[in-house]
C-alpha cells in the first residue's frame, strides 16, 4: 500500500486544511507558552501547573455540553464559533499579567478547545460516510503532526530570540491560525444531522446514562497516558536515568512525529468495524507494553551512550506503533458506539480522555517512570496491556446496549 498523507478531495481535504492551519499555530504555542508565562508573566511553575490542571478539568466537562450544542444547532456553525472563541482566548493571553487572569484565560482556552474538538468530530460524522471516518481521521492525524512539527520549528525561532515580543508573536500567530481555521470550516457544507425523535432533557444527557460507553472511554483514557509519556516522562528518564545525550529527546520526538505523519493512514486501513478496531487496540496495548520494557532496558548498568540511544530509538518505534494502532481503533469505536444525532455529546465525552490525561498523566508518569525506574516502567506497560485487552469485552457490552441507550426515554 503506497504512502499517502493528502486526503481525498472534498470535505476530508477541507477538514485537513482546517486541521493544518490551527496545528501550525498550536505547534508554536506548545513550545513557547510555558516559558512565556514563567519568564515574561512571572508565574511560578507550580501556579502554571495548577492553572492548567484546573483549566483542562473544566474543559473536559464543558466539552460534553458544547458537543450537545453541536447536536442541537448543527456541527458546522458550532465549530466555527468555537474556533473563533479559541482564537479570542489565545489572544487574551497577550494581556495576562497575574495568576487570576491567567487562570481565567486558560479556562476559556481549554473550554473552547475541548468544545471545538467535539464539534469537529460531529461535523466529520455528518459529512463523511461511516465506513470512511476512521481513514479520514487518520489523514487528519497525519496533517496534525505535520502542522505541529512546522509550528514547533517556528516556536523554536521565538525561543532563540527569547524576547517578550518574540513570545507575543507566537500568541498572535496561534490566534490568527484559529481565526483562519474558522474561515476554512465555513467552506464546508452545513450537512443535516440525523436527530432521533422525542428529544428530551434526558436524551440530551444520554451519554451520562450509558455505563458501557463510560467504561470504553475510561479504558481509552488509560491508553492516552502515552501522550505525556513522549513529551515529559521519557525526556526526564533520558536525562536522569540513562547515559544517552540530551539530543536524544529531539530524535525521539522527530521519530514519533514523522512516523505518525507517514504511517497513520496505512495503520488505520486495517480498521473497518468494531471487531477489527478492538483487535487493533489490543495489539496497540501489546506494543506499548513492549515499548515500556525496552525503555526500561536503556538504563541498565554499564550501557554505553550509543547503545542507550539505540535502545531508546527501538522503544520509541514500538511506542509510536502502539500509538497509531490505539488511535485508529479508538476512532472507529467512538463513532460506531455513538447513537445517530448524538455524535457531539458522545465525542465530547470520549474526547475528555485527552484533557484528563494531560491533567493526571504528568504526576502519574513521573512517579512511575522517574520515581520507580524499571518497576515503574513494567507497571505502566501492564496498565497499557490491561486496557487494551479489556477493550474488547467493554466494546461488546456497549454494542449490546447501544440500541437501548440510543432510544432511551
Foldseek 3Di string as FASTA:
>chain_A
DAWDLQDDDDPLNLLLVLLLLLLLLVLLCVQQVVVCCCPPLNDDPVLVLVLLLVQLVLQLVLQLVLLLVCLVVNLLVSLLVLLLQLLVLLLQVLVDNDSVSSSVSSNSNSNSVLNNQLSSQQVLPQPPDLQCSLLSVLSSQLSSLVSSVNSNVLSVVLVVVPDSVSSSVSSNSNSVSSNVSSVSSVPHDRGDFDADPPDDPCLSVLVVVQVLLVLLLVLLLLLLLLVVCLVPLLLVCCVPQAQADNCLSVVLSCVLSVCSNGCLSVLLVQDRALVSLLVLLLVLLVLLLVLLLLLLVLRPPPDHHVNSSVSNNVSSVSNSSSVSSSSSSSSRLQVVLDAGSSSSSSSSNSVSSNSVSVSPSVVLSCCLPVVVRSRSSNVSSVSSNVSSVVSSVSSVVSVVCRVCSNPPD
